[in-house]
Amino acid sequence: MTPTIGALLCQGGAALRAAGIEDARAEARRLLAHAMPATAEALLRDRHDAVAPEAEARFRAALARRAAREPLAYITGRAGFWTLDLEVSPATLIPRADSESVVEAALAACPDRGAVRRVLDLGTGTGALLLAVLAECPGAFGVGVDRAPAAAALAARNAARNGLGSRAAFLAGDWGSALSGRFDVILANPPYIPDAEIPGLMPEVARFEPAAALAGGADGLDAYRAVLPRLPSLLAEGGVAVLEVGIGQADPVESLARAAGRAPGGRRADLGGVARAVLFRRPRNFPVGGTPHRG
C-alpha cells in the first residue's frame, strides 16, 4: 500500500527520535518536504494524500542519512542565515544563528551604512557573513577569502543566489595575505575549537563538518595569531574588524591583540549571552606598524 504523508511523517519522526534527534518530527517534515518536494504547509494540509514511490524512496534515503547524524543542512543542501537562503556543502561549515552576532556587531559599529564601501570576509565559507553585511549596506562591495577553493566557489554561487553576485568577489587564499588595499569592515569566523576537543563535539559536527574549518590548534587560538597582526594593513582609517570567538575566548583573543599593540574595541554577545564577537578599530591617524593612537 502506498503510504500517506501523515504515515511517513510518523515513521520518520519515530526513526529520528530513536537516533537521538531532538526535534525529530520537525526534521522529518523538512526531509519529506525536500524529497517530494512540497512546502511544510502543504504537508500539514494534505497529510492524507499518498506519496509517490520515487518521493518515498528519496525520503527514506534522506532519513537514513539523518539517523546516522549527518546534518540536515547537508542533506537538503540549504541553510538560512540572516535574510539569506544559502547553499551549503561538506566543503563549508553550516552557518549558525550565533554567528549573526558578528553581523549585528559590524552593523552597529557602522551606523552610516551608506558610507561602507569595501568589506572583507576572511575564511568566508558559505559567504554568510559577507553577504549579510552587503545586503544591509547597499553601496558596498565585498571580497571573501577562503583556503578551500570549493568553499570560495560555493560562496560565489550564494552571492548570485541572493542577488549580490555583482557586488562580491571570492578567491582562495590564506587570511588575506595576497590582498592589498583597505577595507571599511573586516569580518572573520576562524577555526577556534581546540584540536583535542573536536572528537567530543556532537556527531553532526565531529563526523561531518570540515575539520580544517574547526581546528584552532592546541588552544584554539592559532587563527587569531595569524589574523590579528594583519588587521592594521587591511583596515581603512576608522574601519572596524569583527572576529567571532568561541565560548570563553573573548579574553584571550583580546590579550593577544594587546600583545600585538592592537586595542580591542568592544564585544557583542549572542542570544545565549556568550561573548561571541570581538571588535577592533583602526582609529584615524593610526600608525600601521606602531601602537594604537590614544589621543
Protein backbone atom coordinates (compact mmCIF):
# COMPACT_ATOMS: atom_id res chain seq x y z
CA MET A 1 0.00 0.00 0.00
CA THR A 2 1.26 3.47 -0.89
CA PRO A 3 1.93 5.38 2.36
CA THR A 4 0.36 8.74 3.09
CA ILE A 5 2.17 11.90 4.05
CA GLY A 6 0.97 11.54 7.63
CA ALA A 7 2.16 7.94 7.90
CA LEU A 8 5.63 8.79 6.59
CA LEU A 9 5.90 11.70 8.98
CA CYS A 10 5.04 9.46 11.92
CA GLN A 11 7.54 6.84 10.81
CA GLY A 12 10.22 9.42 10.14
CA GLY A 13 9.72 11.16 13.46
CA ALA A 14 9.98 7.87 15.33
CA ALA A 15 13.16 6.89 13.48
CA LEU A 16 14.83 10.21 14.21
CA ARG A 17 13.80 10.17 17.86
CA ALA A 18 15.36 6.72 18.19
CA ALA A 19 18.56 8.16 16.68
CA GLY A 20 18.69 10.90 19.31
CA ILE A 21 17.49 13.80 17.14
CA GLU A 22 15.96 16.40 19.44
CA ASP A 23 13.37 17.99 17.13
CA ALA A 24 12.60 14.74 15.32
CA ARG A 25 9.09 15.47 13.98
CA ALA A 26 10.04 18.88 12.57
CA GLU A 27 13.15 17.46 10.91
CA ALA A 28 11.16 14.58 9.42
CA ARG A 29 8.77 17.15 7.98
CA ARG A 30 11.64 19.08 6.41
CA LEU A 31 13.12 15.92 4.91
CA LEU A 32 9.79 14.87 3.40
CA ALA A 33 9.19 18.37 2.06
CA HIS A 34 12.62 18.22 0.41
CA ALA A 35 12.02 14.73 -1.00
CA MET A 36 8.62 15.37 -2.59
CA PRO A 37 9.20 18.42 -2.99
CA ALA A 38 6.47 20.35 -1.18
CA THR A 39 6.02 23.13 1.32
CA ALA A 40 5.65 22.44 5.03
CA GLU A 41 2.17 23.95 4.84
CA ALA A 42 1.18 21.52 2.09
CA LEU A 43 2.34 18.55 4.18
CA LEU A 44 0.13 19.61 7.07
CA ARG A 45 -2.84 20.33 4.82
CA ASP A 46 -2.57 17.19 2.69
CA ARG A 47 -1.49 14.66 5.31
CA HIS A 48 -3.93 12.03 3.98
CA ASP A 49 -2.55 12.20 0.44
CA ALA A 50 -0.46 9.32 -0.90
CA VAL A 51 3.26 9.84 -1.53
CA ALA A 52 4.67 8.76 -4.89
CA PRO A 53 7.11 5.82 -4.71
CA GLU A 54 10.01 7.89 -6.03
CA ALA A 55 9.47 10.55 -3.35
CA GLU A 56 9.12 7.88 -0.68
CA ALA A 57 12.45 6.36 -1.73
CA ARG A 58 14.14 9.76 -1.58
CA PHE A 59 12.65 10.38 1.85
CA ARG A 60 13.77 7.05 3.28
CA ALA A 61 17.30 7.57 1.92
CA ALA A 62 17.44 11.03 3.46
CA LEU A 63 16.02 9.69 6.71
CA ALA A 64 18.77 7.09 6.92
CA ARG A 65 21.42 9.77 6.41
CA ARG A 66 19.94 11.94 9.15
CA ALA A 67 19.59 8.97 11.52
CA ALA A 68 23.34 8.47 11.00
CA ARG A 69 23.65 12.07 12.31
CA GLU A 70 24.57 13.71 9.02
CA PRO A 71 23.48 17.36 9.38
CA LEU A 72 20.09 18.21 7.97
CA ALA A 73 21.56 21.13 6.02
CA TYR A 74 23.98 18.84 4.16
CA ILE A 75 21.11 16.55 3.20
CA THR A 76 18.87 19.33 1.90
CA GLY A 77 21.80 21.41 0.62
CA ARG A 78 20.36 24.60 2.11
CA ALA A 79 20.53 26.72 5.25
CA GLY A 80 19.06 30.04 6.28
CA PHE A 81 21.18 32.85 7.73
CA TRP A 82 20.15 36.45 8.40
CA THR A 83 17.79 37.17 5.48
CA LEU A 84 19.67 34.84 3.13
CA ASP A 85 18.92 31.46 1.58
CA LEU A 86 22.29 29.72 1.30
CA GLU A 87 23.60 26.65 -0.46
CA VAL A 88 25.74 24.52 1.85
CA SER A 89 28.01 21.55 1.27
CA PRO A 90 30.54 19.49 3.24
CA ALA A 91 33.19 21.92 1.96
CA THR A 92 32.00 24.51 4.47
CA LEU A 93 30.69 24.87 7.99
CA ILE A 94 26.94 25.22 8.28
CA PRO A 95 26.02 28.83 9.15
CA ARG A 96 24.67 29.16 12.68
CA ALA A 97 22.46 31.73 14.34
CA ASP A 98 25.23 32.54 16.86
CA SER A 99 27.29 33.98 14.00
CA GLU A 100 24.60 36.57 13.33
CA SER A 101 26.12 38.37 16.34
CA VAL A 102 29.10 39.19 14.13
CA VAL A 103 26.81 40.79 11.56
CA GLU A 104 24.94 42.70 14.26
CA ALA A 105 28.19 43.98 15.75
CA ALA A 106 29.51 45.12 12.39
CA LEU A 107 26.31 46.97 11.52
CA ALA A 108 26.11 48.60 14.96
CA ALA A 109 29.68 49.82 14.51
CA CYS A 110 28.75 51.41 11.16
CA PRO A 111 25.62 53.48 11.81
CA ASP A 112 26.02 55.19 8.42
CA ARG A 113 25.67 52.07 6.30
CA GLY A 114 25.79 54.13 3.13
CA ALA A 115 29.39 55.05 3.96
CA VAL A 116 30.54 51.42 3.95
CA ARG A 117 32.27 50.84 0.62
CA ARG A 118 34.58 47.83 0.99
CA VAL A 119 34.02 44.71 3.10
CA LEU A 120 36.40 41.78 3.59
CA ASP A 121 35.46 38.34 4.93
CA LEU A 122 38.38 36.14 5.99
CA GLY A 123 37.53 32.43 5.99
CA THR A 124 34.31 33.14 4.14
CA GLY A 125 32.92 29.57 3.94
CA THR A 126 29.40 29.88 2.53
CA GLY A 127 29.83 33.66 2.32
CA ALA A 128 27.20 34.09 5.04
CA LEU A 129 28.82 36.93 7.00
CA LEU A 130 29.90 38.89 3.95
CA LEU A 131 26.61 38.56 2.11
CA ALA A 132 24.58 39.51 5.19
CA VAL A 133 26.56 42.73 5.59
CA LEU A 134 26.36 43.52 1.86
CA ALA A 135 22.60 43.03 1.99
CA GLU A 136 22.41 45.77 4.64
CA CYS A 137 25.00 48.13 3.07
CA PRO A 138 23.75 48.80 -0.46
CA GLY A 139 26.78 50.81 -1.59
CA ALA A 140 29.38 48.25 -0.53
CA PHE A 141 31.47 45.77 -2.50
CA GLY A 142 32.82 42.68 -0.76
CA VAL A 143 35.73 40.28 -1.04
CA GLY A 144 35.57 36.81 0.51
CA VAL A 145 38.68 34.69 1.05
CA ASP A 146 38.84 31.01 1.94
CA ARG A 147 41.68 28.50 1.94
CA ALA A 148 39.39 25.94 0.28
CA PRO A 149 38.73 26.61 -3.41
CA ALA A 150 35.46 24.64 -3.17
CA ALA A 151 34.26 26.96 -0.40
CA ALA A 152 35.14 30.09 -2.37
CA ALA A 153 33.24 28.74 -5.38
CA LEU A 154 30.21 27.90 -3.23
CA ALA A 155 30.23 31.40 -1.71
CA ALA A 156 30.21 32.88 -5.22
CA ARG A 157 27.14 30.81 -6.05
CA ASN A 158 25.48 32.06 -2.88
CA ALA A 159 26.18 35.65 -3.86
CA ALA A 160 24.45 35.07 -7.18
CA ARG A 161 21.63 33.14 -5.50
CA ASN A 162 20.88 36.14 -3.26
CA GLY A 163 21.17 38.82 -5.94
CA LEU A 164 24.60 40.02 -4.78
CA GLY A 165 26.78 38.49 -7.49
CA SER A 166 27.77 41.83 -8.98
CA ARG A 167 28.85 43.18 -5.59
CA ALA A 168 31.12 40.40 -4.38
CA ALA A 169 34.26 38.54 -5.43
CA PHE A 170 35.67 35.37 -3.90
CA LEU A 171 39.13 33.86 -4.01
CA ALA A 172 41.15 31.07 -2.46
CA GLY A 173 43.93 32.33 -0.20
CA ASP A 174 45.44 32.41 3.26
CA TRP A 175 43.93 35.03 5.59
CA GLY A 176 44.22 37.88 3.13
CA SER A 177 47.98 37.60 2.66
CA ALA A 178 47.61 38.22 -1.09
CA LEU A 179 45.33 41.25 -0.69
CA SER A 180 46.20 44.90 -0.99
CA GLY A 181 44.09 47.94 -0.27
CA ARG A 182 41.98 48.84 2.72
CA PHE A 183 38.53 47.79 3.89
CA ASP A 184 35.94 49.62 5.96
CA VAL A 185 34.73 46.38 7.55
CA ILE A 186 36.60 43.13 8.07
CA LEU A 187 34.76 40.01 9.20
CA ALA A 188 36.14 36.65 10.28
CA ASN A 189 34.83 33.44 11.76
CA PRO A 190 38.09 31.49 12.03
CA PRO A 191 38.60 27.93 13.29
CA TYR A 192 38.58 28.15 17.10
CA ILE A 193 37.93 24.69 18.53
CA PRO A 194 40.95 23.27 20.41
CA ASP A 195 42.07 20.23 18.44
CA ALA A 196 41.65 17.80 21.34
CA GLU A 197 38.00 18.82 21.84
CA ILE A 198 36.80 18.08 18.30
CA PRO A 199 36.17 14.32 18.80
CA GLY A 200 33.88 15.15 21.73
CA LEU A 201 31.64 17.52 19.78
CA MET A 202 28.15 16.48 18.73
CA PRO A 203 28.31 13.86 15.96
CA GLU A 204 26.94 16.21 13.30
CA VAL A 205 29.97 18.44 13.78
CA ALA A 206 32.74 16.00 14.66
CA ARG A 207 31.94 13.50 11.91
CA PHE A 208 30.70 15.66 9.07
CA GLU A 209 31.79 19.30 9.16
CA PRO A 210 35.22 20.10 7.66
CA ALA A 211 37.97 19.66 10.24
CA ALA A 212 40.06 22.44 8.71
CA ALA A 213 37.26 24.92 9.46
CA LEU A 214 37.01 23.76 13.07
CA ALA A 215 40.53 23.04 14.33
CA GLY A 216 42.12 26.05 16.01
CA GLY A 217 45.29 24.38 17.29
CA ALA A 218 46.15 23.22 20.78
CA ASP A 219 44.42 26.16 22.49
CA GLY A 220 42.00 27.13 19.71
CA LEU A 221 43.77 30.45 19.09
CA ASP A 222 46.12 29.74 16.18
CA ALA A 223 43.97 31.53 13.61
CA TYR A 224 43.76 34.67 15.75
CA ARG A 225 47.55 34.74 15.98
CA ALA A 226 47.60 34.75 12.19
CA VAL A 227 44.79 37.26 11.63
CA LEU A 228 45.38 39.94 14.27
CA PRO A 229 48.78 41.17 13.01
CA ARG A 230 47.32 41.66 9.51
CA LEU A 231 44.39 43.84 10.52
CA PRO A 232 46.17 47.22 10.55
CA SER A 233 47.41 46.84 6.96
CA LEU A 234 43.94 45.84 5.75
CA LEU A 235 41.69 48.19 7.74
CA ALA A 236 40.91 51.64 6.43
CA GLU A 237 41.20 54.53 8.87
CA GLY A 238 38.11 54.46 11.02
CA GLY A 239 37.42 50.90 9.92
CA VAL A 240 36.24 48.06 12.14
CA ALA A 241 37.14 44.37 12.28
CA VAL A 242 34.76 41.90 13.92
CA LEU A 243 36.00 38.43 14.83
CA GLU A 244 33.83 35.57 16.02
CA VAL A 245 35.19 33.76 19.09
CA GLY A 246 34.27 30.59 20.95
CA ILE A 247 32.98 30.26 24.49
CA GLY A 248 35.46 31.77 26.92
CA GLN A 249 37.77 33.05 24.18
CA ALA A 250 37.00 36.77 24.23
CA ASP A 251 39.53 37.48 26.99
CA PRO A 252 42.45 35.53 25.46
CA VAL A 253 41.79 36.96 21.99
CA GLU A 254 41.79 40.49 23.39
CA SER A 255 45.02 39.67 25.26
CA LEU A 256 46.62 38.52 22.01
CA ALA A 257 45.54 41.78 20.41
CA ARG A 258 47.02 43.91 23.18
CA ALA A 259 50.29 41.98 22.97
CA ALA A 260 50.39 42.89 19.28
CA GLY A 261 49.64 46.56 20.02
CA ARG A 262 46.02 46.38 18.91
CA ALA A 263 43.38 47.83 21.21
CA PRO A 264 40.10 45.87 21.46
CA GLY A 265 37.02 47.92 20.66
CA GLY A 266 34.19 46.06 22.38
CA ARG A 267 32.24 42.81 22.37
CA ARG A 268 28.82 41.54 21.42
CA ALA A 269 27.02 38.57 22.96
CA ASP A 270 24.93 36.00 21.13
CA LEU A 271 21.36 35.10 22.11
CA GLY A 272 22.71 32.74 24.76
CA GLY A 273 24.65 35.53 26.46
CA VAL A 274 28.06 34.26 25.26
CA ALA A 275 30.57 36.92 24.19
CA ARG A 276 30.63 35.87 20.54
CA ALA A 277 32.05 38.84 18.63
CA VAL A 278 35.15 40.88 19.46
CA LEU A 279 35.69 44.23 17.73
CA PHE A 280 38.86 46.05 16.75
CA ARG A 281 39.02 49.52 15.24
CA ARG A 282 41.69 51.37 13.35
CA PRO A 283 41.41 54.94 14.61
CA ARG A 284 42.19 57.76 12.24
CA ASN A 285 45.90 58.55 12.08
CA PHE A 286 46.61 55.01 13.33
CA PRO A 287 50.25 54.09 12.63
CA VAL A 288 50.16 50.77 10.77
CA GLY A 289 53.31 49.40 12.30
CA GLY A 290 53.05 51.05 15.71
CA THR A 291 50.87 51.18 18.76
CA PRO A 292 47.30 52.44 18.75
CA HIS A 293 46.78 56.19 18.80
CA ARG A 294 45.06 57.07 22.06
CA GLY A 295 44.53 60.73 21.67
